[in-house]
Amino acid sequence: VPTTDEEDQMRLNRERERLLKEHGAHIARIKSLLVKHGIRMDLNSKFPERIETVKDPFGDEVKPDLKAELVREMMSPGGRSVSEIHRASGISENTLYSWKNKYGVEQEAEPERTGKPKNWNIMPLV
């Protein structure tokens, strides 16, 4: 039976493995979207600047909906903050904030609970 310290260490390792798996899934999704539209480009720190100017194989600009989907996919890992995504990806915080504003990317938020529960209006049984 592992000790609490050993269990904590295993928990950290499991969380790290899960985050790496999620990150890999997002990268695969971005690459798939690019390939589907015939776009060849590296996913590195230059990605934000290049996605704004990249053209498809026919010489047309990438459609705004595709850009928005790529940006959402890039920013979605685990509901992380902009500064965490900045540190992990090398994309500047200013670029990430402009993407959020331009493409309407929302950070996942906890729903607010206001008022009384709906079942409080139920009449008691007599």
N, C-alpha and C. Protein backbone atom coordinates (compact mmCIF):
# COMPACT_ATOMS: atom_id res chain seq x y z
N VAL A 1 0.86 -1.18 0.00
CA VAL A 1 0.00 0.00 0.00
C VAL A 1 0.90 1.24 0.00
N PRO A 2 0.67 2.15 -0.97
CA PRO A 2 1.53 3.33 -1.02
C PRO A 2 1.23 4.30 0.12
N THR A 3 2.26 5.01 0.52
CA THR A 3 2.09 6.04 1.55
C THR A 3 1.41 7.25 0.93
N THR A 4 1.01 8.21 1.76
CA THR A 4 0.36 9.41 1.22
C THR A 4 1.31 10.21 0.33
N ASP A 5 2.59 10.25 0.69
CA ASP A 5 3.57 10.95 -0.15
C ASP A 5 3.73 10.25 -1.50
N GLU A 6 3.78 8.92 -1.48
CA GLU A 6 3.88 8.17 -2.73
C GLU A 6 2.62 8.35 -3.58
N GLU A 7 1.48 8.36 -2.93
CA GLU A 7 0.22 8.57 -3.65
C GLU A 7 0.17 9.97 -4.26
N ASP A 8 0.65 10.97 -3.53
CA ASP A 8 0.71 12.33 -4.08
C ASP A 8 1.60 12.39 -5.31
N GLN A 9 2.74 11.73 -5.25
CA GLN A 9 3.66 11.72 -6.40
C GLN A 9 3.01 11.02 -7.59
N MET A 10 2.32 9.91 -7.35
CA MET A 10 1.64 9.20 -8.44
C MET A 10 0.54 10.07 -9.02
N ARG A 11 -0.16 10.82 -8.18
CA ARG A 11 -1.22 11.71 -8.65
C ARG A 11 -0.65 12.78 -9.57
N LEU A 12 0.49 13.36 -9.18
CA LEU A 12 1.14 14.35 -10.03
C LEU A 12 1.53 13.75 -11.38
N ASN A 13 2.06 12.55 -11.36
CA ASN A 13 2.45 11.90 -12.61
C ASN A 13 1.23 11.61 -13.48
N ARG A 14 0.14 11.17 -12.87
CA ARG A 14 -1.09 10.90 -13.64
C ARG A 14 -1.63 12.18 -14.26
N GLU A 15 -1.60 13.27 -13.49
CA GLU A 15 -2.10 14.54 -14.01
C GLU A 15 -1.23 15.03 -15.17
N ARG A 16 0.08 14.90 -15.02
CA ARG A 16 1.00 15.31 -16.09
C ARG A 16 0.74 14.50 -17.35
N GLU A 17 0.57 13.18 -17.20
CA GLU A 17 0.30 12.33 -18.36
C GLU A 17 -1.02 12.72 -19.03
N ARG A 18 -2.03 13.03 -18.23
CA ARG A 18 -3.32 13.44 -18.79
C ARG A 18 -3.19 14.75 -19.56
N LEU A 19 -2.46 15.72 -19.00
CA LEU A 19 -2.28 17.00 -19.67
C LEU A 19 -1.49 16.85 -20.96
N LEU A 20 -0.47 16.00 -20.95
CA LEU A 20 0.30 15.75 -22.17
C LEU A 20 -0.58 15.10 -23.24
N LYS A 21 -1.44 14.19 -22.83
CA LYS A 21 -2.35 13.54 -23.77
C LYS A 21 -3.32 14.56 -24.37
N GLU A 22 -3.88 15.43 -23.53
CA GLU A 22 -4.79 16.48 -24.01
C GLU A 22 -4.08 17.41 -24.98
N HIS A 23 -2.86 17.81 -24.64
CA HIS A 23 -2.08 18.69 -25.51
C HIS A 23 -1.85 18.03 -26.86
N GLY A 24 -1.48 16.76 -26.83
CA GLY A 24 -1.27 16.02 -28.08
C GLY A 24 -2.52 15.95 -28.93
N ALA A 25 -3.67 15.78 -28.27
CA ALA A 25 -4.94 15.72 -29.00
C ALA A 25 -5.25 17.06 -29.66
N HIS A 26 -4.97 18.17 -28.98
CA HIS A 26 -5.21 19.49 -29.57
C HIS A 26 -4.29 19.74 -30.75
N ILE A 27 -3.02 19.36 -30.62
CA ILE A 27 -2.08 19.53 -31.72
C ILE A 27 -2.52 18.70 -32.92
N ALA A 28 -2.94 17.46 -32.68
CA ALA A 28 -3.41 16.60 -33.77
C ALA A 28 -4.63 17.20 -34.45
N ARG A 29 -5.54 17.77 -33.67
CA ARG A 29 -6.74 18.40 -34.23
C ARG A 29 -6.37 19.60 -35.10
N ILE A 30 -5.45 20.43 -34.63
CA ILE A 30 -5.01 21.59 -35.41
C ILE A 30 -4.37 21.13 -36.71
N LYS A 31 -3.47 20.15 -36.63
CA LYS A 31 -2.82 19.64 -37.84
C LYS A 31 -3.84 19.06 -38.80
N SER A 32 -4.84 18.35 -38.28
CA SER A 32 -5.88 17.77 -39.14
C SER A 32 -6.67 18.86 -39.85
N LEU A 33 -7.00 19.92 -39.14
CA LEU A 33 -7.72 21.03 -39.77
C LEU A 33 -6.90 21.66 -40.89
N LEU A 34 -5.61 21.84 -40.64
CA LEU A 34 -4.74 22.42 -41.65
C LEU A 34 -4.63 21.52 -42.88
N VAL A 35 -4.41 20.23 -42.65
CA VAL A 35 -4.28 19.27 -43.76
C VAL A 35 -5.58 19.20 -44.55
N LYS A 36 -6.70 19.19 -43.86
CA LYS A 36 -8.01 19.12 -44.52
C LYS A 36 -8.18 20.25 -45.52
N HIS A 37 -7.59 21.40 -45.22
CA HIS A 37 -7.71 22.56 -46.10
C HIS A 37 -6.47 22.75 -46.97
N GLY A 38 -5.59 21.75 -47.00
CA GLY A 38 -4.42 21.79 -47.86
C GLY A 38 -3.36 22.79 -47.44
N ILE A 39 -3.30 23.11 -46.17
CA ILE A 39 -2.35 24.10 -45.67
C ILE A 39 -1.21 23.38 -44.96
N ARG A 40 0.01 23.71 -45.37
CA ARG A 40 1.19 23.12 -44.74
C ARG A 40 1.91 24.21 -43.97
N MET A 41 2.01 24.01 -42.68
CA MET A 41 2.76 24.96 -41.85
C MET A 41 3.11 24.30 -40.52
N ASP A 42 4.19 24.78 -39.92
CA ASP A 42 4.63 24.26 -38.63
C ASP A 42 3.85 24.92 -37.51
N LEU A 43 3.65 24.15 -36.45
CA LEU A 43 3.01 24.70 -35.25
C LEU A 43 4.11 25.11 -34.28
N ASN A 44 4.56 26.33 -34.42
CA ASN A 44 5.60 26.85 -33.54
C ASN A 44 5.20 28.24 -33.08
N SER A 45 6.12 28.97 -32.51
CA SER A 45 5.78 30.29 -31.96
C SER A 45 5.39 31.28 -33.05
N LYS A 46 5.70 31.00 -34.31
CA LYS A 46 5.34 31.88 -35.42
C LYS A 46 3.92 31.59 -35.93
N PHE A 47 3.26 30.58 -35.38
CA PHE A 47 1.93 30.18 -35.85
C PHE A 47 0.93 31.34 -35.88
N PRO A 48 0.84 32.17 -34.82
CA PRO A 48 -0.16 33.25 -34.84
C PRO A 48 0.03 34.23 -35.99
N GLU A 49 1.28 34.62 -36.23
CA GLU A 49 1.54 35.57 -37.31
C GLU A 49 1.29 34.92 -38.67
N ARG A 50 1.69 33.67 -38.81
CA ARG A 50 1.55 32.99 -40.10
C ARG A 50 0.10 32.67 -40.42
N ILE A 51 -0.71 32.32 -39.42
CA ILE A 51 -2.10 31.95 -39.70
C ILE A 51 -2.87 33.17 -40.21
N GLU A 52 -2.44 34.37 -39.83
CA GLU A 52 -3.10 35.59 -40.32
C GLU A 52 -2.82 35.84 -41.79
N THR A 53 -1.70 35.34 -42.30
CA THR A 53 -1.32 35.64 -43.69
C THR A 53 -1.27 34.41 -44.59
N VAL A 54 -1.45 33.22 -44.04
CA VAL A 54 -1.32 31.99 -44.83
C VAL A 54 -2.43 31.91 -45.88
N LYS A 55 -2.12 31.26 -46.98
CA LYS A 55 -3.08 31.08 -48.06
C LYS A 55 -3.27 29.59 -48.31
N ASP A 56 -4.44 29.24 -48.81
CA ASP A 56 -4.71 27.84 -49.14
C ASP A 56 -4.04 27.51 -50.48
N PRO A 57 -4.10 26.25 -50.94
CA PRO A 57 -3.42 25.87 -52.19
C PRO A 57 -3.91 26.65 -53.42
N PHE A 58 -5.08 27.25 -53.35
CA PHE A 58 -5.61 28.01 -54.48
C PHE A 58 -5.24 29.48 -54.41
N GLY A 59 -4.47 29.86 -53.40
CA GLY A 59 -4.03 31.23 -53.25
C GLY A 59 -5.01 32.12 -52.51
N ASP A 60 -6.07 31.53 -51.98
CA ASP A 60 -7.06 32.31 -51.23
C ASP A 60 -6.67 32.37 -49.76
N GLU A 61 -7.09 33.46 -49.10
CA GLU A 61 -6.86 33.55 -47.65
C GLU A 61 -7.67 32.50 -46.92
N VAL A 62 -7.17 32.09 -45.77
CA VAL A 62 -7.91 31.15 -44.93
C VAL A 62 -9.17 31.85 -44.45
N LYS A 63 -10.28 31.15 -44.52
CA LYS A 63 -11.58 31.73 -44.14
C LYS A 63 -11.60 32.05 -42.65
N PRO A 64 -12.32 33.10 -42.27
CA PRO A 64 -12.37 33.51 -40.85
C PRO A 64 -12.88 32.41 -39.92
N ASP A 65 -13.84 31.61 -40.38
CA ASP A 65 -14.36 30.54 -39.51
C ASP A 65 -13.29 29.50 -39.21
N LEU A 66 -12.45 29.17 -40.20
CA LEU A 66 -11.36 28.22 -39.97
C LEU A 66 -10.33 28.83 -39.03
N LYS A 67 -10.00 30.10 -39.22
CA LYS A 67 -9.06 30.77 -38.31
C LYS A 67 -9.60 30.72 -36.88
N ALA A 68 -10.88 31.02 -36.74
CA ALA A 68 -11.49 31.01 -35.41
C ALA A 68 -11.42 29.62 -34.79
N GLU A 69 -11.69 28.59 -35.58
CA GLU A 69 -11.63 27.22 -35.06
C GLU A 69 -10.21 26.85 -34.65
N LEU A 70 -9.23 27.24 -35.47
CA LEU A 70 -7.83 26.97 -35.13
C LEU A 70 -7.43 27.69 -33.84
N VAL A 71 -7.86 28.92 -33.71
CA VAL A 71 -7.54 29.70 -32.51
C VAL A 71 -8.20 29.07 -31.29
N ARG A 72 -9.48 28.70 -31.40
CA ARG A 72 -10.16 28.06 -30.26
C ARG A 72 -9.45 26.78 -29.86
N GLU A 73 -9.04 26.00 -30.85
CA GLU A 73 -8.35 24.74 -30.56
C GLU A 73 -7.00 25.02 -29.90
N MET A 74 -6.31 26.06 -30.36
CA MET A 74 -5.01 26.40 -29.78
C MET A 74 -5.17 26.86 -28.33
N MET A 75 -6.26 27.55 -28.03
CA MET A 75 -6.43 28.14 -26.70
C MET A 75 -7.23 27.28 -25.75
N SER A 76 -7.74 26.15 -26.19
CA SER A 76 -8.67 25.40 -25.35
C SER A 76 -8.07 24.43 -24.34
N PRO A 77 -6.81 24.06 -24.40
CA PRO A 77 -6.34 23.02 -23.48
C PRO A 77 -6.62 23.29 -22.01
N GLY A 78 -7.56 22.56 -21.48
CA GLY A 78 -7.80 22.55 -20.04
C GLY A 78 -8.31 23.84 -19.44
N GLY A 79 -8.84 24.75 -20.23
CA GLY A 79 -9.33 26.01 -19.68
C GLY A 79 -8.22 26.82 -19.04
N ARG A 80 -7.01 26.71 -19.57
CA ARG A 80 -5.88 27.42 -18.98
C ARG A 80 -5.98 28.91 -19.22
N SER A 81 -5.28 29.66 -18.41
CA SER A 81 -5.27 31.12 -18.55
C SER A 81 -4.39 31.51 -19.73
N VAL A 82 -4.55 32.75 -20.17
CA VAL A 82 -3.76 33.26 -21.28
C VAL A 82 -2.27 33.20 -20.95
N SER A 83 -1.90 33.55 -19.73
CA SER A 83 -0.47 33.54 -19.37
C SER A 83 0.10 32.12 -19.39
N GLU A 84 -0.71 31.13 -19.00
CA GLU A 84 -0.24 29.74 -19.07
C GLU A 84 -0.05 29.29 -20.51
N ILE A 85 -1.00 29.65 -21.37
CA ILE A 85 -0.88 29.30 -22.79
C ILE A 85 0.32 30.01 -23.40
N HIS A 86 0.54 31.27 -23.01
CA HIS A 86 1.69 32.04 -23.49
C HIS A 86 2.99 31.32 -23.14
N ARG A 87 3.12 30.91 -21.89
CA ARG A 87 4.35 30.23 -21.46
C ARG A 87 4.54 28.90 -22.18
N ALA A 88 3.46 28.17 -22.39
CA ALA A 88 3.57 26.85 -23.01
C ALA A 88 3.81 26.91 -24.51
N SER A 89 3.24 27.92 -25.18
CA SER A 89 3.29 27.94 -26.64
C SER A 89 4.29 28.93 -27.21
N GLY A 90 4.68 29.93 -26.42
CA GLY A 90 5.56 30.96 -26.94
C GLY A 90 4.82 32.06 -27.69
N ILE A 91 3.49 31.97 -27.76
CA ILE A 91 2.69 32.99 -28.42
C ILE A 91 2.53 34.15 -27.44
N SER A 92 2.72 35.38 -27.94
CA SER A 92 2.67 36.53 -27.03
C SER A 92 1.28 36.69 -26.43
N GLU A 93 1.25 37.22 -25.20
CA GLU A 93 -0.03 37.43 -24.52
C GLU A 93 -0.90 38.42 -25.29
N ASN A 94 -0.28 39.45 -25.88
CA ASN A 94 -1.05 40.42 -26.67
C ASN A 94 -1.75 39.74 -27.84
N THR A 95 -1.04 38.83 -28.52
CA THR A 95 -1.65 38.10 -29.64
C THR A 95 -2.79 37.24 -29.15
N LEU A 96 -2.60 36.55 -28.04
CA LEU A 96 -3.66 35.70 -27.50
C LEU A 96 -4.89 36.52 -27.12
N TYR A 97 -4.68 37.68 -26.49
CA TYR A 97 -5.82 38.53 -26.13
C TYR A 97 -6.52 39.07 -27.38
N SER A 98 -5.74 39.44 -28.40
CA SER A 98 -6.39 39.93 -29.62
C SER A 98 -7.18 38.81 -30.29
N TRP A 99 -6.67 37.58 -30.24
CA TRP A 99 -7.42 36.43 -30.77
C TRP A 99 -8.72 36.26 -30.01
N LYS A 100 -8.65 36.34 -28.69
CA LYS A 100 -9.87 36.17 -27.88
C LYS A 100 -10.92 37.19 -28.29
N ASN A 101 -10.49 38.44 -28.47
CA ASN A 101 -11.43 39.49 -28.85
C ASN A 101 -11.91 39.33 -30.29
N LYS A 102 -10.99 39.02 -31.19
CA LYS A 102 -11.33 38.94 -32.62
C LYS A 102 -12.21 37.74 -32.93
N TYR A 103 -11.91 36.59 -32.32
CA TYR A 103 -12.61 35.36 -32.67
C TYR A 103 -13.61 34.92 -31.60
N GLY A 104 -13.78 35.72 -30.57
CA GLY A 104 -14.79 35.40 -29.56
C GLY A 104 -14.49 34.16 -28.75
N VAL A 105 -13.23 33.92 -28.46
CA VAL A 105 -12.85 32.75 -27.66
C VAL A 105 -13.16 33.05 -26.21
N GLU A 106 -13.94 32.18 -25.60
CA GLU A 106 -14.32 32.36 -24.20
C GLU A 106 -13.54 31.40 -23.33
N GLN A 107 -13.12 31.87 -22.17
CA GLN A 107 -12.54 30.98 -21.18
C GLN A 107 -13.69 30.28 -20.48
N GLU A 108 -13.52 29.01 -20.17
CA GLU A 108 -14.57 28.29 -19.47
C GLU A 108 -14.72 28.87 -18.07
N ALA A 109 -15.94 29.17 -17.70
CA ALA A 109 -16.19 29.76 -16.39
C ALA A 109 -17.19 28.90 -15.64
N GLU A 110 -17.09 28.95 -14.36
CA GLU A 110 -18.03 28.23 -13.50
C GLU A 110 -19.37 28.95 -13.56
N PRO A 111 -20.46 28.24 -13.81
CA PRO A 111 -21.75 28.92 -13.85
C PRO A 111 -22.11 29.50 -12.49
N GLU A 112 -22.70 30.70 -12.52
CA GLU A 112 -23.09 31.34 -11.27
C GLU A 112 -24.40 30.75 -10.78
N ARG A 113 -24.49 30.58 -9.50
CA ARG A 113 -25.72 30.08 -8.90
C ARG A 113 -26.37 31.25 -8.17
N THR A 114 -27.50 31.66 -8.69
CA THR A 114 -28.21 32.77 -8.05
C THR A 114 -29.63 32.35 -7.75
N GLY A 115 -30.20 32.98 -6.77
CA GLY A 115 -31.59 32.69 -6.43
C GLY A 115 -31.73 31.37 -5.71
N LYS A 116 -32.97 31.01 -5.47
CA LYS A 116 -33.24 29.77 -4.76
C LYS A 116 -33.43 28.62 -5.75
N PRO A 117 -33.21 27.40 -5.31
CA PRO A 117 -33.41 26.25 -6.20
C PRO A 117 -34.85 26.20 -6.70
N LYS A 118 -35.03 25.66 -7.91
CA LYS A 118 -36.35 25.61 -8.53
C LYS A 118 -37.35 24.82 -7.70
N ASN A 119 -36.91 23.77 -7.04
CA ASN A 119 -37.86 22.92 -6.32
C ASN A 119 -38.35 23.55 -5.01
N TRP A 120 -37.91 24.74 -4.66
CA TRP A 120 -38.40 25.39 -3.45
C TRP A 120 -39.85 25.85 -3.61
N ASN A 121 -40.32 25.94 -4.83
CA ASN A 121 -41.69 26.38 -5.07
C ASN A 121 -42.69 25.23 -5.00
N ILE A 122 -42.22 24.03 -4.77
CA ILE A 122 -43.11 22.87 -4.71
C ILE A 122 -43.91 22.92 -3.41
N MET A 123 -45.19 22.70 -3.54
CA MET A 123 -46.07 22.71 -2.36
C MET A 123 -45.85 21.44 -1.54
N PRO A 124 -45.83 21.54 -0.23
CA PRO A 124 -45.65 20.34 0.60
C PRO A 124 -46.88 19.43 0.51
N LEU A 125 -46.63 18.14 0.66
CA LEU A 125 -47.74 17.17 0.67
C LEU A 125 -48.50 17.30 1.99
N VAL A 126 -49.79 17.23 1.93
CA VAL A 126 -50.61 17.37 3.14
C VAL A 126 -51.10 16.03 3.58
